[in-house]
PDB file of N, CA and C in Angstrom:
ATOM      1  N   UNK A   1      20.802  10.618 -16.523  1.00  0.00           N
ATOM      2  CA  UNK A   1      21.678  10.296 -15.637  1.00  0.00           C
ATOM      3  C   UNK A   1      22.405   9.363 -16.127  1.00  0.00           C
ATOM      4  N   UNK A   2      23.239   8.681 -16.778  1.00  0.00           N
ATOM      5  CA  UNK A   2      23.901   7.596 -16.682  1.00  0.00           C
ATOM      6  C   UNK A   2      25.304   7.123 -15.817  1.00  0.00           C
ATOM      7  N   UNK A   3      24.279   5.890 -15.650  1.00  0.00           N
ATOM      8  CA  UNK A   3      25.541   4.871 -14.994  1.00  0.00           C
ATOM      9  C   UNK A   3      25.797   3.666 -15.800  1.00  0.00           C
ATOM     10  N   UNK A   4      27.275   3.260 -15.132  1.00  0.00           N
ATOM     11  CA  UNK A   4      28.150   2.000 -15.828  1.00  0.00           C
ATOM     12  C   UNK A   4      28.468   1.051 -15.194  1.00  0.00           C
ATOM     13  N   UNK A   5      27.610   0.435 -14.841  1.00  0.00           N
ATOM     14  CA  UNK A   5      27.834  -0.848 -13.418  1.00  0.00           C
ATOM     15  C   UNK A   5      28.773  -2.282 -14.687  1.00  0.00           C
ATOM     16  N   UNK A   6      29.685  -2.408 -13.699  1.00  0.00           N
ATOM     17  CA  UNK A   6      31.172  -3.647 -13.723  1.00  0.00           C
ATOM     18  C   UNK A   6      30.508  -4.530 -12.960  1.00  0.00           C
ATOM     19  N   UNK A   7      29.904  -5.681 -13.160  1.00  0.00           N
ATOM     20  CA  UNK A   7      30.565  -7.157 -12.407  1.00  0.00           C
ATOM     21  C   UNK A   7      31.306  -7.995 -12.682  1.00  0.00           C
ATOM     22  N   UNK A   8      32.205  -8.292 -11.537  1.00  0.00           N
ATOM     23  CA  UNK A   8      33.423  -9.043 -11.746  1.00  0.00           C
ATOM     24  C   UNK A   8      33.317 -10.687 -10.517  1.00  0.00           C
ATOM     25  N   UNK A   9      33.534 -11.289 -10.425  1.00  0.00           N
ATOM     26  CA  UNK A   9      33.717 -11.896  -9.494  1.00  0.00           C
ATOM     27  C   UNK A   9      34.905 -12.472  -8.872  1.00  0.00           C
ATOM     28  N   UNK A  10      35.360 -12.370  -7.935  1.00  0.00           N
ATOM     29  CA  UNK A  10      36.099 -12.215  -6.945  1.00  0.00           C
ATOM     30  C   UNK A  10      36.198 -12.899  -5.340  1.00  0.00           C
ATOM     31  N   UNK A  11      37.192 -14.164  -5.346  1.00  0.00           N
ATOM     32  CA  UNK A  11      36.850 -14.468  -4.119  1.00  0.00           C
ATOM     33  C   UNK A  11      37.182 -13.203  -2.916  1.00  0.00           C
ATOM     34  N   UNK A  12      38.250 -12.432  -3.305  1.00  0.00           N
ATOM     35  CA  UNK A  12      38.753 -10.869  -2.350  1.00  0.00           C
ATOM     36  C   UNK A  12      38.552 -10.184  -2.699  1.00  0.00           C
ATOM     37  N   UNK A  13      37.881  -8.874  -2.679  1.00  0.00           N
ATOM     38  CA  UNK A  13      38.929  -7.703  -3.088  1.00  0.00           C
ATOM     39  C   UNK A  13      40.650  -7.244  -3.909  1.00  0.00           C
ATOM     40  N   UNK A  14      40.712  -7.500  -4.279  1.00  0.00           N
ATOM     41  CA  UNK A  14      42.529  -7.660  -5.066  1.00  0.00           C
ATOM     42  C   UNK A  14      42.508  -5.868  -6.014  1.00  0.00           C
ATOM     43  N   UNK A  15      43.578  -5.374  -6.365  1.00  0.00           N
ATOM     44  CA  UNK A  15      44.622  -4.306  -6.728  1.00  0.00           C
ATOM     45  C   UNK A  15      42.610  -4.093  -8.118  1.00  0.00           C
ATOM     46  N   UNK A  16      42.954  -5.148  -8.657  1.00  0.00           N
ATOM     47  CA  UNK A  16      41.803  -4.752  -9.986  1.00  0.00           C
ATOM     48  C   UNK A  16      39.867  -4.022  -9.282  1.00  0.00           C
ATOM     49  N   UNK A  17      39.999  -4.344  -8.084  1.00  0.00           N
ATOM     50  CA  UNK A  17      38.752  -3.874  -7.192  1.00  0.00           C
ATOM     51  C   UNK A  17      38.815  -2.882  -7.032  1.00  0.00           C
ATOM     52  N   UNK A  18      40.805  -2.815  -5.930  1.00  0.00           N
ATOM     53  CA  UNK A  18      40.329  -0.998  -5.900  1.00  0.00           C
ATOM     54  C   UNK A  18      40.471  -0.190  -6.802  1.00  0.00           C
ATOM     55  N   UNK A  19      40.915  -0.163  -8.287  1.00  0.00           N
ATOM     56  CA  UNK A  19      41.142   0.512  -9.353  1.00  0.00           C
ATOM     57  C   UNK A  19      39.490   1.176  -9.691  1.00  0.00           C
ATOM     58  N   UNK A  20      38.962   0.183  -9.462  1.00  0.00           N
ATOM     59  CA  UNK A  20      37.489   0.190 -10.126  1.00  0.00           C
ATOM     60  C   UNK A  20      36.840   1.175  -9.427  1.00  0.00           C
ATOM     61  N   UNK A  21      36.785   0.832  -7.615  1.00  0.00           N
ATOM     62  CA  UNK A  21      36.668   1.988  -6.502  1.00  0.00           C
ATOM     63  C   UNK A  21      37.239   3.027  -6.471  1.00  0.00           C
ATOM     64  N   UNK A  22      38.450   3.661  -6.489  1.00  0.00           N
ATOM     65  CA  UNK A  22      38.865   4.780  -7.174  1.00  0.00           C
ATOM     66  C   UNK A  22      38.474   5.076  -8.059  1.00  0.00           C
ATOM     67  N   UNK A  23      38.073   4.726  -9.227  1.00  0.00           N
ATOM     68  CA  UNK A  23      37.403   5.219 -10.420  1.00  0.00           C
ATOM     69  C   UNK A  23      36.007   5.678 -10.020  1.00  0.00           C
ATOM     70  N   UNK A  24      35.675   5.685  -9.251  1.00  0.00           N
ATOM     71  CA  UNK A  24      34.619   5.635  -9.266  1.00  0.00           C
ATOM     72  C   UNK A  24      33.948   6.383  -8.149  1.00  0.00           C
ATOM     73  N   UNK A  25      34.910   6.926  -6.718  1.00  0.00           N
ATOM     74  CA  UNK A  25      34.725   7.394  -5.923  1.00  0.00           C
ATOM     75  C   UNK A  25      34.462   8.611  -5.199  1.00  0.00           C
ATOM     76  N   UNK A  26      34.582   9.490  -6.618  1.00  0.00           N
ATOM     77  CA  UNK A  26      33.641  10.392  -6.291  1.00  0.00           C
ATOM     78  C   UNK A  26      32.509  10.527  -6.665  1.00  0.00           C
ATOM     79  N   UNK A  27      31.630   9.580  -7.391  1.00  0.00           N
ATOM     80  CA  UNK A  27      29.979   9.790  -7.384  1.00  0.00           C
ATOM     81  C   UNK A  27      30.162   8.719  -6.352  1.00  0.00           C
ATOM     82  N   UNK A  28      30.146   7.590  -5.646  1.00  0.00           N
ATOM     83  CA  UNK A  28      30.159   7.031  -4.510  1.00  0.00           C
ATOM     84  C   UNK A  28      29.561   7.834  -3.565  1.00  0.00           C
ATOM     85  N   UNK A  29      31.146   8.997  -3.282  1.00  0.00           N
ATOM     86  CA  UNK A  29      30.294   9.665  -1.813  1.00  0.00           C
ATOM     87  C   UNK A  29      29.095  10.818  -2.413  1.00  0.00           C
ATOM     88  N   UNK A  30      29.196  11.380  -3.817  1.00  0.00           N
ATOM     89  CA  UNK A  30      28.167  12.507  -4.183  1.00  0.00           C
ATOM     90  C   UNK A  30      27.249  11.871  -2.876  1.00  0.00           C
ATOM     91  N   UNK A  31      26.509  10.214  -4.064  1.00  0.00           N
ATOM     92  CA  UNK A  31      26.342   9.668  -3.923  1.00  0.00           C
ATOM     93  C   UNK A  31      25.875   9.208  -1.611  1.00  0.00           C
ATOM     94  N   UNK A  32      26.693   9.125  -1.496  1.00  0.00           N
ATOM     95  CA  UNK A  32      25.755   8.781   0.114  1.00  0.00           C
ATOM     96  C   UNK A  32      25.737   9.850   0.858  1.00  0.00           C
ATOM     97  N   UNK A  33      26.736  11.132   0.518  1.00  0.00           N
ATOM     98  CA  UNK A  33      26.364  12.261   1.205  1.00  0.00           C
ATOM     99  C   UNK A  33      24.991  13.176   0.783  1.00  0.00           C
ATOM    100  N   UNK A  34      24.198  12.218  -0.347  1.00  0.00           N
ATOM    101  CA  UNK A  34      22.980  13.439  -0.708  1.00  0.00           C
ATOM    102  C   UNK A  34      22.133  13.812   0.161  1.00  0.00           C
ATOM    103  N   UNK A  35      22.036  12.691   0.789  1.00  0.00           N
ATOM    104  CA  UNK A  35      20.895  13.027   1.875  1.00  0.00           C
ATOM    105  C   UNK A  35      20.789  12.621   3.862  1.00  0.00           C
ATOM    106  N   UNK A  36      22.447  12.800   3.609  1.00  0.00           N
ATOM    107  CA  UNK A  36      23.053  12.555   5.050  1.00  0.00           C
ATOM    108  C   UNK A  36      23.370  13.378   5.961  1.00  0.00           C
ATOM    109  N   UNK A  37      22.751  14.256   6.620  1.00  0.00           N
ATOM    110  CA  UNK A  37      23.069  15.084   6.989  1.00  0.00           C
ATOM    111  C   UNK A  37      24.102  14.617   8.417  1.00  0.00           C
ATOM    112  N   UNK A  38      24.371  13.546   9.281  1.00  0.00           N
ATOM    113  CA  UNK A  38      24.588  13.510   9.963  1.00  0.00           C
ATOM    114  C   UNK A  38      25.164  12.060  10.048  1.00  0.00           C
ATOM    115  N   UNK A  39      26.827  11.997   8.997  1.00  0.00           N
ATOM    116  CA  UNK A  39      26.783  10.492   8.923  1.00  0.00           C
ATOM    117  C   UNK A  39      27.431   9.754   9.975  1.00  0.00           C
ATOM    118  N   UNK A  40      27.477   8.596  10.148  1.00  0.00           N
ATOM    119  CA  UNK A  40      28.240   8.151  11.232  1.00  0.00           C
ATOM    120  C   UNK A  40      29.428   8.077  10.429  1.00  0.00           C
ATOM    121  N   UNK A  41      30.746   7.714  11.050  1.00  0.00           N
ATOM    122  CA  UNK A  41      31.752   7.703  11.852  1.00  0.00           C
ATOM    123  C   UNK A  41      32.694   6.456  11.073  1.00  0.00           C
ATOM    124  N   UNK A  42      33.612   6.119  10.798  1.00  0.00           N
ATOM    125  CA  UNK A  42      34.239   5.419  10.139  1.00  0.00           C
ATOM    126  C   UNK A  42      34.229   4.425  11.071  1.00  0.00           C
ATOM    127  N   UNK A  43      33.989   4.117  11.862  1.00  0.00           N
ATOM    128  CA  UNK A  43      34.530   2.904  13.331  1.00  0.00           C
ATOM    129  C   UNK A  43      32.862   2.717  13.665  1.00  0.00           C
ATOM    130  N   UNK A  44      32.267   3.878  13.227  1.00  0.00           N
ATOM    131  CA  UNK A  44      31.142   3.297  14.034  1.00  0.00           C
ATOM    132  C   UNK A  44      30.081   2.225  12.916  1.00  0.00           C
ATOM    133  N   UNK A  45      30.366   2.380  11.740  1.00  0.00           N
ATOM    134  CA  UNK A  45      30.185   1.971  10.547  1.00  0.00           C
ATOM    135  C   UNK A  45      30.787   0.484  10.697  1.00  0.00           C
ATOM    136  N   UNK A  46      32.282   0.270  10.840  1.00  0.00           N
ATOM    137  CA  UNK A  46      32.752  -0.547  11.317  1.00  0.00           C
ATOM    138  C   UNK A  46      31.931  -1.873  12.168  1.00  0.00           C
ATOM    139  N   UNK A  47      31.342  -0.942  13.160  1.00  0.00           N
ATOM    140  CA  UNK A  47      30.768  -1.798  14.564  1.00  0.00           C
ATOM    141  C   UNK A  47      29.845  -2.068  14.299  1.00  0.00           C
ATOM    142  N   UNK A  48      29.326  -1.634  13.495  1.00  0.00           N
ATOM    143  CA  UNK A  48      27.649  -2.068  12.695  1.00  0.00           C
ATOM    144  C   UNK A  48      27.814  -3.282  12.321  1.00  0.00           C
ATOM    145  N   UNK A  49      29.069  -3.165  11.132  1.00  0.00           N
ATOM    146  CA  UNK A  49      29.367  -4.387  10.709  1.00  0.00           C
ATOM    147  C   UNK A  49      29.689  -5.672  10.637  1.00  0.00           C
ATOM    148  N   UNK A  50      30.603  -5.322  12.310  1.00  0.00           N
ATOM    149  CA  UNK A  50      30.837  -6.675  13.122  1.00  0.00           C
ATOM    150  C   UNK A  50      29.887  -7.356  13.915  1.00  0.00           C
ATOM    151  N   UNK A  51      29.020  -6.120  14.133  1.00  0.00           N
ATOM    152  CA  UNK A  51      27.562  -6.524  15.025  1.00  0.00           C
ATOM    153  C   UNK A  51      27.283  -7.644  14.049  1.00  0.00           C
ATOM    154  N   UNK A  52      26.765  -7.069  13.179  1.00  0.00           N
ATOM    155  CA  UNK A  52      25.369  -7.799  12.529  1.00  0.00           C
ATOM    156  C   UNK A  52      25.729  -8.432  11.170  1.00  0.00           C
ATOM    157  N   UNK A  53      26.962  -8.633  10.732  1.00  0.00           N
ATOM    158  CA  UNK A  53      27.037  -9.683   9.778  1.00  0.00           C
ATOM    159  C   UNK A  53      28.612  -9.620   9.798  1.00  0.00           C
ATOM    160  N   UNK A  54      29.134 -10.101  11.004  1.00  0.00           N
ATOM    161  CA  UNK A  54      30.741 -10.614  11.131  1.00  0.00           C
ATOM    162  C   UNK A  54      30.941 -11.128  10.088  1.00  0.00           C
ATOM    163  N   UNK A  55      30.466 -12.106   9.305  1.00  0.00           N
ATOM    164  CA  UNK A  55      30.791 -13.161   8.156  1.00  0.00           C
ATOM    165  C   UNK A  55      31.900 -12.609   7.070  1.00  0.00           C
ATOM    166  N   UNK A  56      31.322 -11.026   7.354  1.00  0.00           N
ATOM    167  CA  UNK A  56      31.664  -9.846   5.120  1.00  0.00           C
ATOM    168  C   UNK A  56      33.502  -9.408   6.686  1.00  0.00           C
ATOM    169  N   UNK A  57      33.393  -8.954   7.606  1.00  0.00           N
ATOM    170  CA  UNK A  57      34.655  -8.307   7.915  1.00  0.00           C
ATOM    171  C   UNK A  57      35.814  -8.774   7.744  1.00  0.00           C
ATOM    172  N   UNK A  58      36.785 -10.077   6.875  1.00  0.00           N
ATOM    173  CA  UNK A  58      37.467 -10.098   6.945  1.00  0.00           C
ATOM    174  C   UNK A  58      37.513  -9.478   4.951  1.00  0.00           C
ATOM    175  N   UNK A  59      36.384  -9.134   4.464  1.00  0.00           N
ATOM    176  CA  UNK A  59      35.974  -9.437   3.357  1.00  0.00           C
ATOM    177  C   UNK A  59      36.603  -7.046   3.682  1.00  0.00           C
ATOM    178  N   UNK A  60      35.769  -6.790   4.202  1.00  0.00           N
ATOM    179  CA  UNK A  60      35.471  -5.659   4.478  1.00  0.00           C
ATOM    180  C   UNK A  60      37.056  -4.627   5.214  1.00  0.00           C
ATOM    181  N   UNK A  61      37.609  -5.680   5.192  1.00  0.00           N
ATOM    182  CA  UNK A  61      38.829  -4.695   5.909  1.00  0.00           C
ATOM    183  C   UNK A  61      39.888  -4.987   5.015  1.00  0.00           C
ATOM    184  N   UNK A  62      39.622  -5.618   3.955  1.00  0.00           N
ATOM    185  CA  UNK A  62      40.514  -5.971   2.640  1.00  0.00           C
ATOM    186  C   UNK A  62      40.288  -4.849   1.726  1.00  0.00           C
ATOM    187  N   UNK A  63      38.849  -5.166   1.724  1.00  0.00           N
ATOM    188  CA  UNK A  63      38.731  -3.555   0.877  1.00  0.00           C
ATOM    189  C   UNK A  63      39.028  -2.282   1.378  1.00  0.00           C
ATOM    190  N   UNK A  64      39.205  -1.558   2.715  1.00  0.00           N
ATOM    191  CA  UNK A  64      39.470  -0.987   3.347  1.00  0.00           C
ATOM    192  C   UNK A  64      40.977  -0.749   3.316  1.00  0.00           C
ATOM    193  N   UNK A  65      41.862  -1.787   3.188  1.00  0.00           N
ATOM    194  CA  UNK A  65      43.231  -1.755   3.141  1.00  0.00           C
ATOM    195  C   UNK A  65      44.098  -1.322   2.028  1.00  0.00           C
ATOM    196  N   UNK A  66      42.241  -1.600   0.802  1.00  0.00           N
ATOM    197  CA  UNK A  66      42.934  -0.822  -0.616  1.00  0.00           C
ATOM    198  C   UNK A  66      42.323  -0.064  -1.237  1.00  0.00           C
ATOM    199  N   UNK A  67      41.776   0.650  -0.328  1.00  0.00           N
ATOM    200  CA  UNK A  67      41.740   1.794  -0.703  1.00  0.00           C
ATOM    201  C   UNK A  67      42.193   3.077   0.680  1.00  0.00           C
ATOM    202  N   UNK A  68      42.799   2.844   1.280  1.00  0.00           N
ATOM    203  CA  UNK A  68      43.930   3.347   1.962  1.00  0.00           C
ATOM    204  C   UNK A  68      43.399   3.838   3.171  1.00  0.00           C
ATOM    205  N   UNK A  69      43.919   5.188   4.111  1.00  0.00           N
ATOM    206  CA  UNK A  69      43.325   5.646   4.919  1.00  0.00           C
ATOM    207  C   UNK A  69      42.353   6.593   4.788  1.00  0.00           C
ATOM    208  N   UNK A  70      41.034   6.006   3.970  1.00  0.00           N
ATOM    209  CA  UNK A  70      39.985   7.352   3.958  1.00  0.00           C
ATOM    210  C   UNK A  70      38.315   6.642   4.412  1.00  0.00           C
ATOM    211  N   UNK A  71      38.206   7.473   5.493  1.00  0.00           N
ATOM    212  CA  UNK A  71      37.448   7.177   6.500  1.00  0.00           C
ATOM    213  C   UNK A  71      35.687   7.179   5.320  1.00  0.00           C
ATOM    214  N   UNK A  72      35.590   8.034   5.140  1.00  0.00           N
ATOM    215  CA  UNK A  72      34.698   8.220   3.788  1.00  0.00           C
ATOM    216  C   UNK A  72      34.303   7.151   2.648  1.00  0.00           C
ATOM    217  N   UNK A  73      35.299   6.607   2.957  1.00  0.00           N
ATOM    218  CA  UNK A  73      35.060   5.243   1.732  1.00  0.00           C
ATOM    219  C   UNK A  73      34.723   4.398   2.879  1.00  0.00           C
ATOM    220  N   UNK A  74      35.973   4.760   3.859  1.00  0.00           N
ATOM    221  CA  UNK A  74      35.661   2.995   4.809  1.00  0.00           C
ATOM    222  C   UNK A  74      34.042   2.650   5.471  1.00  0.00           C
ATOM    223  N   UNK A  75      33.097   3.943   5.286  1.00  0.00           N
ATOM    224  CA  UNK A  75      31.260   4.190   5.211  1.00  0.00           C
ATOM    225  C   UNK A  75      30.943   3.962   3.905  1.00  0.00           C
ATOM    226  N   UNK A  76      31.312   4.258   3.172  1.00  0.00           N
ATOM    227  CA  UNK A  76      30.528   3.421   1.984  1.00  0.00           C
ATOM    228  C   UNK A  76      30.771   2.115   1.721  1.00  0.00           C
ATOM    229  N   UNK A  77      31.742   1.825   2.206  1.00  0.00           N
ATOM    230  CA  UNK A  77      31.778   0.178   1.925  1.00  0.00           C
ATOM    231  C   UNK A  77      31.028  -0.251   3.071  1.00  0.00           C
ATOM    232  N   UNK A  78      30.930   0.456   4.007  1.00  0.00           N
ATOM    233  CA  UNK A  78      30.121  -0.705   5.039  1.00  0.00           C
ATOM    234  C   UNK A  78      28.605  -0.945   4.839  1.00  0.00           C
ATOM    235  N   UNK A  79      28.341   0.313   3.600  1.00  0.00           N
ATOM    236  CA  UNK A  79      26.798   0.190   3.228  1.00  0.00           C
ATOM    237  C   UNK A  79      25.592   0.523   4.499  1.00  0.00           C
ATOM    238  N   UNK A  80      26.649   1.071   5.594  1.00  0.00           N
ATOM    239  CA  UNK A  80      25.605   0.933   6.913  1.00  0.00           C
ATOM    240  C   UNK A  80      24.329   2.385   6.864  1.00  0.00           C
ATOM    241  N   UNK A  81      23.317   2.529   7.376  1.00  0.00           N
ATOM    242  CA  UNK A  81      23.120   4.174   6.953  1.00  0.00           C
ATOM    243  C   UNK A  81      22.698   4.471   6.083  1.00  0.00           C
ATOM    244  N   UNK A  82      22.814   4.029   4.507  1.00  0.00           N
ATOM    245  CA  UNK A  82      23.147   4.654   3.122  1.00  0.00           C
ATOM    246  C   UNK A  82      21.771   5.802   3.129  1.00  0.00           C
ATOM    247  N   UNK A  83      21.754   6.354   2.236  1.00  0.00           N
ATOM    248  CA  UNK A  83      20.767   6.909   1.806  1.00  0.00           C
ATOM    249  C   UNK A  83      19.791   6.698   0.892  1.00  0.00           C
ATOM    250  N   UNK A  84      18.558   6.884   0.904  1.00  0.00           N
ATOM    251  CA  UNK A  84      17.601   6.019   0.605  1.00  0.00           C
ATOM    252  C   UNK A  84      17.659   6.388  -0.901  1.00  0.00           C
ATOM    253  N   UNK A  85      17.046   5.036  -1.348  1.00  0.00           N
ATOM    254  CA  UNK A  85      17.095   4.843  -3.347  1.00  0.00           C
ATOM    255  C   UNK A  85      15.944   5.522  -3.629  1.00  0.00           C
ATOM    256  N   UNK A  86      15.218   5.863  -3.077  1.00  0.00           N
ATOM    257  CA  UNK A  86      13.828   5.812  -3.172  1.00  0.00           C
ATOM    258  C   UNK A  86      12.928   6.611  -2.570  1.00  0.00           C
ATOM    259  N   UNK A  87      12.959   8.064  -3.157  1.00  0.00           N
ATOM    260  CA  UNK A  87      12.360   9.491  -1.748  1.00  0.00           C
ATOM    261  C   UNK A  87      10.667   9.524  -3.066  1.00  0.00           C
ATOM    262  N   UNK A  88       9.155   9.433  -1.971  1.00  0.00           N
ATOM    263  CA  UNK A  88       8.444  10.375  -3.105  1.00  0.00           C
ATOM    264  C   UNK A  88       7.434   9.701  -2.155  1.00  0.00           C
ATOM    265  N   UNK A  89       6.145  10.433  -2.429  1.00  0.00           N
ATOM    266  CA  UNK A  89       4.554   9.458  -2.521  1.00  0.00           C
ATOM    267  C   UNK A  89       4.494   7.835  -2.221  1.00  0.00           C
ATOM    268  N   UNK A  90       3.831   7.594  -1.663  1.00  0.00           N
ATOM    269  CA  UNK A  90       3.390   6.170  -1.615  1.00  0.00           C
ATOM    270  C   UNK A  90       1.825   6.204  -2.397  1.00  0.00           C
ATOM    271  N   UNK A  91       1.670   5.042  -3.255  1.00  0.00           N
ATOM    272  CA  UNK A  91       0.664   4.429  -4.141  1.00  0.00           C
ATOM    273  C   UNK A  91       0.260   3.119  -3.868  1.00  0.00           C
ATOM    274  N   UNK A  92      -0.948   3.733  -3.896  1.00  0.00           N
ATOM    275  CA  UNK A  92      -2.128   2.532  -3.290  1.00  0.00           C
ATOM    276  C   UNK A  92      -2.749   1.622  -4.672  1.00  0.00           C
ATOM    277  N   UNK A  93      -2.656   0.728  -4.595  1.00  0.00           N
ATOM    278  CA  UNK A  93      -3.167   0.035  -6.326  1.00  0.00           C
ATOM    279  C   UNK A  93      -4.703  -0.597  -5.721  1.00  0.00           C
ATOM    280  N   UNK A  94      -6.036  -0.851  -6.229  1.00  0.00           N
ATOM    281  CA  UNK A  94      -7.073  -1.357  -5.864  1.00  0.00           C
ATOM    282  C   UNK A  94      -7.554  -1.790  -6.682  1.00  0.00           C
ATOM    283  N   UNK A  95      -8.699  -2.773  -6.821  1.00  0.00           N
ATOM    284  CA  UNK A  95      -9.273  -3.732  -7.393  1.00  0.00           C
ATOM    285  C   UNK A  95     -10.115  -3.053  -8.518  1.00  0.00           C
ATOM    286  N   UNK A  96     -10.824  -2.469  -9.487  1.00  0.00           N
ATOM    287  CA  UNK A  96     -11.302  -1.728 -10.287  1.00  0.00           C
ATOM    288  C   UNK A  96     -12.489  -2.572 -10.025  1.00  0.00           C
ATOM    289  N   UNK A  97     -12.869  -3.840  -9.971  1.00  0.00           N
ATOM    290  CA  UNK A  97     -13.918  -4.403  -9.965  1.00  0.00           C
ATOM    291  C   UNK A  97     -14.869  -4.322  -8.327  1.00  0.00           C
ATOM    292  N   UNK A  98     -13.823  -4.456  -7.505  1.00  0.00           N
ATOM    293  CA  UNK A  98     -14.050  -4.156  -5.956  1.00  0.00           C
ATOM    294  C   UNK A  98     -14.435  -3.068  -5.380  1.00  0.00           C
ATOM    295  N   UNK A  99     -13.132  -1.923  -5.772  1.00  0.00           N
ATOM    296  CA  UNK A  99     -12.601  -0.846  -5.524  1.00  0.00           C
ATOM    297  C   UNK A  99     -11.933  -1.032  -4.372  1.00  0.00           C
ATOM    298  N   UNK A 100     -12.031  -2.247  -3.315  1.00  0.00           N
ATOM    299  CA  UNK A 100     -11.359  -2.753  -2.426  1.00  0.00           C
ATOM    300  C   UNK A 100      -9.518  -2.497  -2.889  1.00  0.00           C
ATOM    301  N   UNK A 101      -8.560  -1.711  -1.494  1.00  0.00           N
ATOM    302  CA  UNK A 101      -7.109  -1.494  -1.913  1.00  0.00           C
ATOM    303  C   UNK A 101      -7.225  -3.033  -1.900  1.00  0.00           C
ATOM    304  N   UNK A 102      -5.932  -2.887  -3.022  1.00  0.00           N
ATOM    305  CA  UNK A 102      -4.984  -3.966  -2.872  1.00  0.00           C
ATOM    306  C   UNK A 102      -3.615  -3.500  -2.473  1.00  0.00           C
ATOM    307  N   UNK A 103      -2.484  -3.610  -2.952  1.00  0.00           N
ATOM    308  CA  UNK A 103      -1.077  -3.573  -2.784  1.00  0.00           C
ATOM    309  C   UNK A 103      -0.684  -2.376  -2.362  1.00  0.00           C
ATOM    310  N   UNK A 104       0.098  -2.263  -1.713  1.00  0.00           N
ATOM    311  CA  UNK A 104       0.499  -0.470  -1.080  1.00  0.00           C
ATOM    312  C   UNK A 104       1.934  -0.776  -1.745  1.00  0.00           C
ATOM    313  N   UNK A 105       2.685  -0.019  -3.147  1.00  0.00           N
ATOM    314  CA  UNK A 105       4.004  -0.048  -3.352  1.00  0.00           C
ATOM    315  C   UNK A 105       4.212   1.749  -3.201  1.00  0.00           C
TER     316      UNK A 105
END
């Protein structure tokens, strides 16, 4: 799977940011819903962001204004309870010299 990342420095989300989000909206929703059997609602996501990272609420509100009345987009933008990035088994590394366990990966 190929991914394209765009990095931009912006003090506040603007129309260019909104266009980039809209262009990737379908893929973002697919990612967000891939393992989420009971996704939180937009109000829950906003409340969690306000509780844990209130300094981001102004930027979050601006981004939500740019995407319009789209509850799923608002949830994605909050990054509250996203799907796991990595799934699988755990590996343990040990020292070949001592045989003792080392770091867990």
